[in-house]
Amino acid sequence: MIPLLANLYLVCTLLCTVWMLGDFNTPEIVSGGAPQGQTTVLATLGVDYLMEKGKPALGVAVAISALPLLAPVAWLLVRRMARSEVQL
């Protein structure tokens, strides 16, 4: 049973990582970055640089910084899904 669910676990991990990196509402509404920016995630940091500090180049850089993390995970997921075939 567990080997059949391995690919599902990988897909769920990738999607949860993507959603966590892009989640803006929860940390902003709940705490607003308080105390002293300890609840800041990539999405809130990018918006902070872009809107509040007036540095759009840093806001874009924060958004792009997630790609080196997500690209290898997505590549591994695609390779594993193409390599493994499940027979019932």
C-alpha atoms as a PDB file:
ATOM      1  CA  MET A   1       0.000   0.000   0.000  1.00  0.00           C
ATOM      2  CA  ILE A   2       2.744   2.494   0.915  1.00  0.00           C
ATOM      3  CA  PRO A   3       4.714   2.074  -2.365  1.00  0.00           C
ATOM      4  CA  LEU A   4       1.549   2.847  -4.302  1.00  0.00           C
ATOM      5  CA  LEU A   5       1.169   6.114  -2.396  1.00  0.00           C
ATOM      6  CA  ALA A   6       4.792   7.267  -2.832  1.00  0.00           C
ATOM      7  CA  ASN A   7       4.069   9.377  -5.923  1.00  0.00           C
ATOM      8  CA  LEU A   8       1.048  10.904  -4.243  1.00  0.00           C
ATOM      9  CA  TYR A   9       3.231  11.937  -1.308  1.00  0.00           C
ATOM     10  CA  LEU A  10       5.686  13.606  -3.685  1.00  0.00           C
ATOM     11  CA  VAL A  11       2.951  15.527  -5.479  1.00  0.00           C
ATOM     12  CA  CYS A  12       1.409  16.657  -2.200  1.00  0.00           C
ATOM     13  CA  THR A  13       4.809  17.752  -0.873  1.00  0.00           C
ATOM     14  CA  LEU A  14       5.518  19.813  -3.976  1.00  0.00           C
ATOM     15  CA  LEU A  15       2.099  21.455  -3.950  1.00  0.00           C
ATOM     16  CA  CYS A  16       2.268  22.218  -0.227  1.00  0.00           C
ATOM     17  CA  THR A  17       5.702  23.779  -0.689  1.00  0.00           C
ATOM     18  CA  VAL A  18       4.472  25.977  -3.531  1.00  0.00           C
ATOM     19  CA  TRP A  19       1.391  27.066  -1.594  1.00  0.00           C
ATOM     20  CA  MET A  20       3.392  27.713   1.563  1.00  0.00           C
ATOM     21  CA  LEU A  21       5.889  29.926  -0.259  1.00  0.00           C
ATOM     22  CA  GLY A  22       3.100  31.915  -1.878  1.00  0.00           C
ATOM     23  CA  ASP A  23       0.812  32.190   1.138  1.00  0.00           C
ATOM     24  CA  PHE A  24       0.368  35.861   1.855  1.00  0.00           C
ATOM     25  CA  ASN A  25      -2.980  36.099   3.633  1.00  0.00           C
ATOM     26  CA  THR A  26      -2.393  33.954   6.698  1.00  0.00           C
ATOM     27  CA  PRO A  27       0.791  35.576   8.087  1.00  0.00           C
ATOM     28  CA  GLU A  28      -0.294  39.073   7.092  1.00  0.00           C
ATOM     29  CA  ILE A  29      -3.779  38.889   8.585  1.00  0.00           C
ATOM     30  CA  VAL A  30      -2.852  36.967  11.720  1.00  0.00           C
ATOM     31  CA  SER A  31       0.239  38.854  12.817  1.00  0.00           C
ATOM     32  CA  GLY A  32       1.291  41.428  10.229  1.00  0.00           C
ATOM     33  CA  GLY A  33       4.918  40.316  10.631  1.00  0.00           C
ATOM     34  CA  ALA A  34       4.986  41.002  14.342  1.00  0.00           C
ATOM     35  CA  PRO A  35       7.001  40.657  16.536  1.00  0.00           C
ATOM     36  CA  GLN A  36       9.891  42.232  14.643  1.00  0.00           C
ATOM     37  CA  GLY A  37       9.235  40.433  11.355  1.00  0.00           C
ATOM     38  CA  GLN A  38       9.550  36.920  12.784  1.00  0.00           C
ATOM     39  CA  THR A  39       6.486  35.650  10.909  1.00  0.00           C
ATOM     40  CA  THR A  40       7.657  36.930   7.531  1.00  0.00           C
ATOM     41  CA  VAL A  41       7.478  34.466   4.627  1.00  0.00           C
ATOM     42  CA  LEU A  42       8.617  35.020   1.047  1.00  0.00           C
ATOM     43  CA  ALA A  43       5.284  36.437  -0.093  1.00  0.00           C
ATOM     44  CA  THR A  44       5.044  38.994   2.707  1.00  0.00           C
ATOM     45  CA  LEU A  45       8.703  39.922   2.346  1.00  0.00           C
ATOM     46  CA  GLY A  46       8.266  40.549  -1.378  1.00  0.00           C
ATOM     47  CA  VAL A  47       5.207  42.727  -0.827  1.00  0.00           C
ATOM     48  CA  ASP A  48       7.013  44.585   1.958  1.00  0.00           C
ATOM     49  CA  TYR A  49       9.919  45.435  -0.341  1.00  0.00           C
ATOM     50  CA  LEU A  50       7.671  46.204  -3.298  1.00  0.00           C
ATOM     51  CA  MET A  51       4.960  48.309  -1.691  1.00  0.00           C
ATOM     52  CA  GLU A  52       6.152  49.602   1.651  1.00  0.00           C
ATOM     53  CA  LYS A  53       9.868  50.180   1.150  1.00  0.00           C
ATOM     54  CA  GLY A  54       9.622  51.238  -2.499  1.00  0.00           C
ATOM     55  CA  LYS A  55      12.253  48.818  -3.802  1.00  0.00           C
ATOM     56  CA  PRO A  56      10.579  46.892  -6.637  1.00  0.00           C
ATOM     57  CA  ALA A  57      13.820  45.221  -7.728  1.00  0.00           C
ATOM     58  CA  LEU A  58      14.171  43.574  -4.309  1.00  0.00           C
ATOM     59  CA  GLY A  59      10.505  42.553  -4.354  1.00  0.00           C
ATOM     60  CA  VAL A  60      10.991  40.771  -7.663  1.00  0.00           C
ATOM     61  CA  ALA A  61      14.226  39.194  -6.418  1.00  0.00           C
ATOM     62  CA  VAL A  62      12.412  37.755  -3.420  1.00  0.00           C
ATOM     63  CA  ALA A  63       9.757  36.242  -5.685  1.00  0.00           C
ATOM     64  CA  ILE A  64      12.364  34.751  -8.030  1.00  0.00           C
ATOM     65  CA  SER A  65      14.392  33.331  -5.136  1.00  0.00           C
ATOM     66  CA  ALA A  66      11.870  30.486  -4.756  1.00  0.00           C
ATOM     67  CA  LEU A  67      12.761  29.063  -8.178  1.00  0.00           C
ATOM     68  CA  PRO A  68      16.091  27.448  -7.192  1.00  0.00           C
ATOM     69  CA  LEU A  69      14.226  25.643  -4.428  1.00  0.00           C
ATOM     70  CA  LEU A  70      11.239  24.515  -6.466  1.00  0.00           C
ATOM     71  CA  ALA A  71      12.869  23.657  -9.800  1.00  0.00           C
ATOM     72  CA  PRO A  72      14.922  20.658  -8.537  1.00  0.00           C
ATOM     73  CA  VAL A  73      11.954  19.327  -6.569  1.00  0.00           C
ATOM     74  CA  ALA A  74       9.701  19.551  -9.630  1.00  0.00           C
ATOM     75  CA  TRP A  75      12.377  17.949 -11.808  1.00  0.00           C
ATOM     76  CA  LEU A  76      12.770  15.035  -9.380  1.00  0.00           C
ATOM     77  CA  LEU A  77       9.020  14.601  -9.237  1.00  0.00           C
ATOM     78  CA  VAL A  78       8.659  14.477 -13.017  1.00  0.00           C
ATOM     79  CA  ARG A  79      11.547  12.004 -13.337  1.00  0.00           C
ATOM     80  CA  ARG A  80      10.174   9.740 -10.678  1.00  0.00           C
ATOM     81  CA  MET A  81       6.651   9.807 -12.083  1.00  0.00           C
ATOM     82  CA  ALA A  82       7.923   8.955 -15.584  1.00  0.00           C
ATOM     83  CA  ARG A  83      10.160   6.164 -14.299  1.00  0.00           C
ATOM     84  CA  SER A  84       7.727   4.345 -12.074  1.00  0.00           C
ATOM     85  CA  GLU A  85       4.691   2.559 -13.365  1.00  0.00           C
ATOM     86  CA  VAL A  86       2.242   1.055 -10.961  1.00  0.00           C
ATOM     87  CA  GLN A  87       0.525  -2.177 -11.857  1.00  0.00           C
ATOM     88  CA  LEU A  88      -2.551  -3.158  -9.948  1.00  0.00           C
END
